[in-house]
């Protein structure tokens, strides 16, 4: 497997982890502790995905990160955006999530391709 593709996915997952924690601060300062709690929870989830990827659990980490990125993209339209800063940060976060989803697809496809070429089952 190409280590560069995995490194890109791991970096994106780490950026999303940090972004969720920063987002939690931004939400909490906007007087929405309930929303901030969800952002912290997703930060922990992205952190677990990053940890799995770094520990070599590529399939599990990639699938978990992919599900989280897909959820972020689906929910993007429902995020409260009250000013230009929130529009900018939320849009950037959605674009990074899209990049993460693309990276997940590339890493998993590459993994399946290499396993098939080696003659081992893809699952």
N, C-alpha and C. Protein backbone atom coordinates (compact mmCIF):
# COMPACT_ATOMS: atom_id res chain seq x y z
N UNK A 1 0.84 -1.18 0.00
CA UNK A 1 0.00 0.00 0.00
C UNK A 1 0.88 1.23 0.00
N UNK A 2 0.44 2.22 -0.70
CA UNK A 2 1.19 3.47 -0.77
C UNK A 2 1.05 4.21 0.55
N UNK A 3 2.17 4.36 1.27
CA UNK A 3 2.15 5.01 2.57
C UNK A 3 1.76 6.47 2.51
N UNK A 4 1.99 7.12 1.36
CA UNK A 4 1.65 8.53 1.23
C UNK A 4 0.13 8.74 1.30
N UNK A 5 -0.62 7.85 0.67
CA UNK A 5 -2.08 7.97 0.69
C UNK A 5 -2.60 7.82 2.12
N UNK A 6 -2.05 6.85 2.84
CA UNK A 6 -2.45 6.65 4.23
C UNK A 6 -2.04 7.84 5.10
N UNK A 7 -0.88 8.39 4.83
CA UNK A 7 -0.42 9.55 5.59
C UNK A 7 -1.33 10.76 5.36
N UNK A 8 -1.77 10.94 4.11
CA UNK A 8 -2.70 12.03 3.80
C UNK A 8 -4.01 11.84 4.55
N UNK A 9 -4.54 10.62 4.54
CA UNK A 9 -5.80 10.36 5.26
C UNK A 9 -5.63 10.58 6.75
N UNK A 10 -4.52 10.12 7.30
CA UNK A 10 -4.27 10.30 8.74
C UNK A 10 -4.16 11.78 9.08
N UNK A 11 -3.50 12.55 8.24
CA UNK A 11 -3.37 14.00 8.47
C UNK A 11 -4.73 14.68 8.40
N UNK A 12 -5.55 14.31 7.43
CA UNK A 12 -6.89 14.90 7.33
C UNK A 12 -7.71 14.55 8.57
N UNK A 13 -7.61 13.30 9.02
CA UNK A 13 -8.35 12.90 10.23
C UNK A 13 -7.88 13.70 11.44
N UNK A 14 -6.57 13.95 11.53
CA UNK A 14 -6.04 14.75 12.64
C UNK A 14 -6.54 16.19 12.54
N UNK A 15 -6.56 16.75 11.34
CA UNK A 15 -7.05 18.13 11.15
C UNK A 15 -8.52 18.21 11.55
N UNK A 16 -9.30 17.20 11.19
CA UNK A 16 -10.72 17.19 11.56
C UNK A 16 -10.89 17.04 13.08
N UNK A 17 -9.99 16.29 13.71
CA UNK A 17 -10.02 16.17 15.17
C UNK A 17 -9.81 17.54 15.81
N UNK A 18 -8.75 18.21 15.40
CA UNK A 18 -8.46 19.54 15.94
C UNK A 18 -9.59 20.52 15.60
N UNK A 19 -10.11 20.43 14.39
CA UNK A 19 -11.19 21.32 13.97
C UNK A 19 -12.44 21.16 14.82
N UNK A 20 -12.73 19.94 15.20
CA UNK A 20 -13.92 19.71 16.06
C UNK A 20 -13.74 20.34 17.44
N UNK A 21 -12.54 20.24 17.99
CA UNK A 21 -12.31 20.85 19.30
C UNK A 21 -12.34 22.37 19.23
N UNK A 22 -11.79 22.93 18.16
CA UNK A 22 -11.87 24.39 17.97
C UNK A 22 -13.32 24.80 17.75
N UNK A 23 -14.05 23.99 16.99
CA UNK A 23 -15.47 24.26 16.75
C UNK A 23 -16.26 24.21 18.06
N UNK A 24 -15.88 23.30 18.95
CA UNK A 24 -16.56 23.21 20.24
C UNK A 24 -16.39 24.51 21.03
N UNK A 25 -15.19 25.08 20.98
CA UNK A 25 -14.97 26.37 21.65
C UNK A 25 -15.81 27.48 21.02
N UNK A 26 -15.84 27.50 19.69
CA UNK A 26 -16.62 28.50 18.97
C UNK A 26 -18.11 28.37 19.30
N UNK A 27 -18.60 27.15 19.36
CA UNK A 27 -20.01 26.92 19.67
C UNK A 27 -20.30 27.29 21.11
N UNK A 28 -19.41 26.92 22.02
CA UNK A 28 -19.62 27.22 23.44
C UNK A 28 -19.63 28.73 23.69
N UNK A 29 -18.77 29.46 22.98
CA UNK A 29 -18.76 30.92 23.12
C UNK A 29 -20.02 31.54 22.54
N UNK A 30 -20.69 30.82 21.65
CA UNK A 30 -21.95 31.28 21.09
C UNK A 30 -23.14 30.90 21.94
N UNK A 31 -22.88 30.45 23.13
CA UNK A 31 -23.92 30.12 24.12
C UNK A 31 -24.74 28.89 23.74
N UNK A 32 -24.11 27.87 23.19
CA UNK A 32 -24.80 26.63 22.88
C UNK A 32 -24.01 25.45 23.43
N UNK A 33 -24.09 25.21 24.76
CA UNK A 33 -23.30 24.14 25.35
C UNK A 33 -23.69 22.76 24.83
N UNK A 34 -24.94 22.57 24.46
CA UNK A 34 -25.39 21.28 23.93
C UNK A 34 -24.66 20.98 22.62
N UNK A 35 -24.61 21.96 21.74
CA UNK A 35 -23.89 21.79 20.47
C UNK A 35 -22.39 21.62 20.69
N UNK A 36 -21.85 22.31 21.67
CA UNK A 36 -20.43 22.18 21.97
C UNK A 36 -20.11 20.76 22.44
N UNK A 37 -21.00 20.17 23.17
CA UNK A 37 -20.81 18.79 23.62
C UNK A 37 -20.74 17.82 22.46
N UNK A 38 -21.60 18.04 21.47
CA UNK A 38 -21.55 17.19 20.28
C UNK A 38 -20.24 17.38 19.52
N UNK A 39 -19.76 18.61 19.44
CA UNK A 39 -18.49 18.87 18.76
C UNK A 39 -17.34 18.18 19.49
N UNK A 40 -17.34 18.19 20.80
CA UNK A 40 -16.30 17.50 21.57
C UNK A 40 -16.39 16.00 21.32
N UNK A 41 -17.61 15.45 21.30
CA UNK A 41 -17.79 14.03 21.04
C UNK A 41 -17.25 13.65 19.66
N UNK A 42 -17.55 14.47 18.66
CA UNK A 42 -17.03 14.19 17.33
C UNK A 42 -15.52 14.37 17.27
N UNK A 43 -14.99 15.29 18.05
CA UNK A 43 -13.53 15.43 18.14
C UNK A 43 -12.90 14.15 18.68
N UNK A 44 -13.53 13.58 19.68
CA UNK A 44 -13.04 12.31 20.24
C UNK A 44 -13.15 11.21 19.19
N UNK A 45 -14.29 11.17 18.48
CA UNK A 45 -14.47 10.15 17.43
C UNK A 45 -13.41 10.27 16.34
N UNK A 46 -13.17 11.49 15.86
CA UNK A 46 -12.13 11.69 14.85
C UNK A 46 -10.76 11.34 15.43
N UNK A 47 -10.54 11.61 16.71
CA UNK A 47 -9.29 11.23 17.36
C UNK A 47 -9.10 9.72 17.39
N UNK A 48 -10.17 8.99 17.64
CA UNK A 48 -10.11 7.52 17.62
C UNK A 48 -9.78 7.03 16.21
N UNK A 49 -10.42 7.64 15.20
CA UNK A 49 -10.13 7.25 13.81
C UNK A 49 -8.66 7.52 13.48
N UNK A 50 -8.15 8.66 13.91
CA UNK A 50 -6.74 9.00 13.68
C UNK A 50 -5.83 7.99 14.37
N UNK A 51 -6.15 7.65 15.60
CA UNK A 51 -5.37 6.69 16.36
C UNK A 51 -5.36 5.33 15.67
N UNK A 52 -6.53 4.88 15.19
CA UNK A 52 -6.61 3.60 14.49
C UNK A 52 -5.74 3.61 13.24
N UNK A 53 -5.78 4.70 12.50
CA UNK A 53 -4.96 4.80 11.29
C UNK A 53 -3.47 4.78 11.62
N UNK A 54 -3.08 5.48 12.67
CA UNK A 54 -1.67 5.53 13.05
C UNK A 54 -1.17 4.18 13.59
N UNK A 55 -2.07 3.41 14.19
CA UNK A 55 -1.69 2.11 14.74
C UNK A 55 -1.71 1.00 13.69
N UNK A 56 -2.04 1.34 12.44
CA UNK A 56 -2.03 0.34 11.37
C UNK A 56 -3.35 -0.37 11.16
N UNK A 57 -4.37 0.04 11.84
CA UNK A 57 -5.72 -0.52 11.66
C UNK A 57 -6.40 0.25 10.53
N UNK A 58 -5.89 0.04 9.33
CA UNK A 58 -6.26 0.88 8.19
C UNK A 58 -7.74 0.74 7.84
N UNK A 59 -8.22 -0.48 7.72
CA UNK A 59 -9.62 -0.67 7.32
C UNK A 59 -10.58 -0.07 8.34
N UNK A 60 -10.39 -0.40 9.60
CA UNK A 60 -11.28 0.12 10.64
C UNK A 60 -11.20 1.63 10.77
N UNK A 61 -9.99 2.16 10.78
CA UNK A 61 -9.81 3.60 10.90
C UNK A 61 -10.36 4.35 9.70
N UNK A 62 -10.13 3.81 8.50
CA UNK A 62 -10.61 4.48 7.29
C UNK A 62 -12.14 4.45 7.22
N UNK A 63 -12.72 3.32 7.53
CA UNK A 63 -14.19 3.23 7.49
C UNK A 63 -14.80 4.15 8.54
N UNK A 64 -14.25 4.17 9.74
CA UNK A 64 -14.77 5.04 10.79
C UNK A 64 -14.63 6.51 10.40
N UNK A 65 -13.48 6.88 9.87
CA UNK A 65 -13.27 8.26 9.42
C UNK A 65 -14.22 8.60 8.28
N UNK A 66 -14.43 7.66 7.37
CA UNK A 66 -15.34 7.88 6.25
C UNK A 66 -16.77 8.12 6.68
N UNK A 67 -17.23 7.33 7.65
CA UNK A 67 -18.60 7.52 8.16
C UNK A 67 -18.73 8.89 8.82
N UNK A 68 -17.71 9.28 9.59
CA UNK A 68 -17.75 10.58 10.25
C UNK A 68 -17.72 11.72 9.23
N UNK A 69 -16.88 11.60 8.20
CA UNK A 69 -16.82 12.64 7.16
C UNK A 69 -18.14 12.73 6.41
N UNK A 70 -18.73 11.59 6.10
CA UNK A 70 -20.01 11.59 5.40
C UNK A 70 -21.09 12.25 6.26
N UNK A 71 -21.09 11.95 7.55
CA UNK A 71 -22.06 12.57 8.46
C UNK A 71 -21.86 14.09 8.48
N UNK A 72 -20.61 14.52 8.55
CA UNK A 72 -20.34 15.96 8.55
C UNK A 72 -20.86 16.63 7.28
N UNK A 73 -20.67 15.98 6.14
CA UNK A 73 -21.13 16.55 4.87
C UNK A 73 -22.65 16.61 4.79
N UNK A 74 -23.30 15.57 5.27
CA UNK A 74 -24.76 15.53 5.24
C UNK A 74 -25.35 16.59 6.17
N UNK A 75 -24.73 16.78 7.32
CA UNK A 75 -25.25 17.72 8.32
C UNK A 75 -24.81 19.16 8.10
N UNK A 76 -23.93 19.42 7.14
CA UNK A 76 -23.40 20.76 6.91
C UNK A 76 -24.50 21.79 6.74
N UNK A 77 -25.53 21.46 6.01
CA UNK A 77 -26.59 22.44 5.74
C UNK A 77 -27.40 22.79 6.99
N UNK A 78 -27.36 21.95 8.01
CA UNK A 78 -28.15 22.22 9.22
C UNK A 78 -27.36 22.96 10.30
N UNK A 79 -26.05 23.16 10.09
CA UNK A 79 -25.26 23.88 11.08
C UNK A 79 -25.69 25.34 11.11
N UNK A 80 -25.78 25.89 12.31
CA UNK A 80 -26.16 27.30 12.46
C UNK A 80 -24.98 28.18 12.08
N UNK A 81 -25.25 29.09 11.15
CA UNK A 81 -24.21 30.00 10.68
C UNK A 81 -24.75 31.42 10.84
N UNK A 82 -24.25 32.12 11.85
CA UNK A 82 -24.79 33.44 12.18
C UNK A 82 -23.98 34.60 11.62
N UNK A 83 -22.74 34.33 11.24
CA UNK A 83 -21.91 35.43 10.73
C UNK A 83 -20.91 34.90 9.70
N UNK A 84 -20.14 35.79 9.13
CA UNK A 84 -19.21 35.41 8.07
C UNK A 84 -18.13 34.45 8.56
N UNK A 85 -17.68 34.62 9.80
CA UNK A 85 -16.66 33.72 10.35
C UNK A 85 -17.20 32.29 10.42
N UNK A 86 -18.43 32.13 10.89
CA UNK A 86 -19.01 30.79 10.98
C UNK A 86 -19.23 30.20 9.59
N UNK A 87 -19.66 31.01 8.64
CA UNK A 87 -19.82 30.53 7.27
C UNK A 87 -18.48 30.06 6.72
N UNK A 88 -17.44 30.83 6.97
CA UNK A 88 -16.11 30.49 6.45
C UNK A 88 -15.58 29.23 7.10
N UNK A 89 -15.60 29.16 8.42
CA UNK A 89 -15.04 27.99 9.10
C UNK A 89 -15.86 26.73 8.80
N UNK A 90 -17.17 26.85 8.76
CA UNK A 90 -18.00 25.68 8.46
C UNK A 90 -17.79 25.19 7.04
N UNK A 91 -17.64 26.14 6.10
CA UNK A 91 -17.41 25.75 4.71
C UNK A 91 -16.05 25.08 4.54
N UNK A 92 -15.03 25.62 5.19
CA UNK A 92 -13.70 25.00 5.13
C UNK A 92 -13.75 23.61 5.76
N UNK A 93 -14.44 23.49 6.87
CA UNK A 93 -14.55 22.20 7.55
C UNK A 93 -15.27 21.19 6.66
N UNK A 94 -16.30 21.62 5.94
CA UNK A 94 -17.02 20.73 5.03
C UNK A 94 -16.10 20.31 3.88
N UNK A 95 -15.29 21.22 3.36
CA UNK A 95 -14.37 20.88 2.28
C UNK A 95 -13.30 19.89 2.75
N UNK A 96 -12.82 20.06 3.97
CA UNK A 96 -11.84 19.11 4.51
C UNK A 96 -12.51 17.75 4.71
N UNK A 97 -13.76 17.74 5.14
CA UNK A 97 -14.50 16.48 5.28
C UNK A 97 -14.67 15.80 3.93
N UNK A 98 -14.93 16.59 2.88
CA UNK A 98 -15.03 16.03 1.53
C UNK A 98 -13.69 15.44 1.10
N UNK A 99 -12.61 16.15 1.38
CA UNK A 99 -11.28 15.62 1.07
C UNK A 99 -11.02 14.34 1.85
N UNK A 100 -11.47 14.30 3.09
CA UNK A 100 -11.31 13.09 3.90
C UNK A 100 -12.08 11.91 3.33
N UNK A 101 -13.29 12.17 2.86
CA UNK A 101 -14.09 11.11 2.26
C UNK A 101 -13.43 10.59 0.98
N UNK A 102 -12.91 11.49 0.18
CA UNK A 102 -12.20 11.07 -1.03
C UNK A 102 -10.96 10.26 -0.66
N UNK A 103 -10.22 10.70 0.35
CA UNK A 103 -9.02 9.98 0.79
C UNK A 103 -9.37 8.59 1.30
N UNK A 104 -10.49 8.47 2.00
CA UNK A 104 -10.93 7.16 2.49
C UNK A 104 -11.18 6.22 1.31
N UNK A 105 -11.88 6.72 0.31
CA UNK A 105 -12.18 5.90 -0.86
C UNK A 105 -10.89 5.47 -1.56
N UNK A 106 -9.95 6.39 -1.70
CA UNK A 106 -8.67 6.07 -2.36
C UNK A 106 -7.89 5.04 -1.57
N UNK A 107 -7.81 5.21 -0.25
CA UNK A 107 -7.04 4.28 0.59
C UNK A 107 -7.68 2.89 0.58
N UNK A 108 -9.00 2.82 0.72
CA UNK A 108 -9.65 1.52 0.73
C UNK A 108 -9.57 0.83 -0.64
N UNK A 109 -9.73 1.60 -1.71
CA UNK A 109 -9.61 1.01 -3.05
C UNK A 109 -8.20 0.50 -3.29
N UNK A 110 -7.21 1.25 -2.86
CA UNK A 110 -5.82 0.82 -3.00
C UNK A 110 -5.55 -0.44 -2.19
N UNK A 111 -6.12 -0.50 -1.01
CA UNK A 111 -5.95 -1.67 -0.15
C UNK A 111 -6.58 -2.91 -0.79
N UNK A 112 -7.77 -2.75 -1.34
CA UNK A 112 -8.45 -3.87 -2.00
C UNK A 112 -7.66 -4.30 -3.23
N UNK A 113 -7.18 -3.33 -4.00
CA UNK A 113 -6.41 -3.64 -5.21
C UNK A 113 -5.15 -4.43 -4.88
N UNK A 114 -4.44 -4.03 -3.83
CA UNK A 114 -3.21 -4.74 -3.46
C UNK A 114 -3.48 -6.12 -2.91
N UNK A 115 -4.55 -6.28 -2.17
CA UNK A 115 -4.89 -7.61 -1.65
C UNK A 115 -5.32 -8.54 -2.77
N UNK A 116 -6.06 -8.01 -3.72
CA UNK A 116 -6.49 -8.83 -4.85
C UNK A 116 -5.29 -9.26 -5.69
N UNK A 117 -4.36 -8.33 -5.90
CA UNK A 117 -3.16 -8.65 -6.68
C UNK A 117 -2.30 -9.68 -5.97
N UNK A 118 -2.32 -9.66 -4.64
CA UNK A 118 -1.51 -10.61 -3.87
C UNK A 118 -2.19 -11.98 -3.75
N UNK A 119 -3.45 -12.06 -4.18
CA UNK A 119 -4.16 -13.35 -4.14
C UNK A 119 -4.84 -13.64 -2.83
N UNK A 120 -4.92 -12.65 -1.93
CA UNK A 120 -5.62 -12.85 -0.66
C UNK A 120 -7.01 -12.25 -0.75
N UNK A 121 -7.94 -12.72 0.05
CA UNK A 121 -9.29 -12.15 0.02
C UNK A 121 -9.27 -10.67 0.38
N UNK A 122 -10.16 -9.89 -0.21
CA UNK A 122 -10.20 -8.44 0.00
C UNK A 122 -10.79 -8.08 1.33
N UNK A 123 -11.50 -8.97 1.97
CA UNK A 123 -12.16 -8.62 3.23
C UNK A 123 -11.37 -9.07 4.41
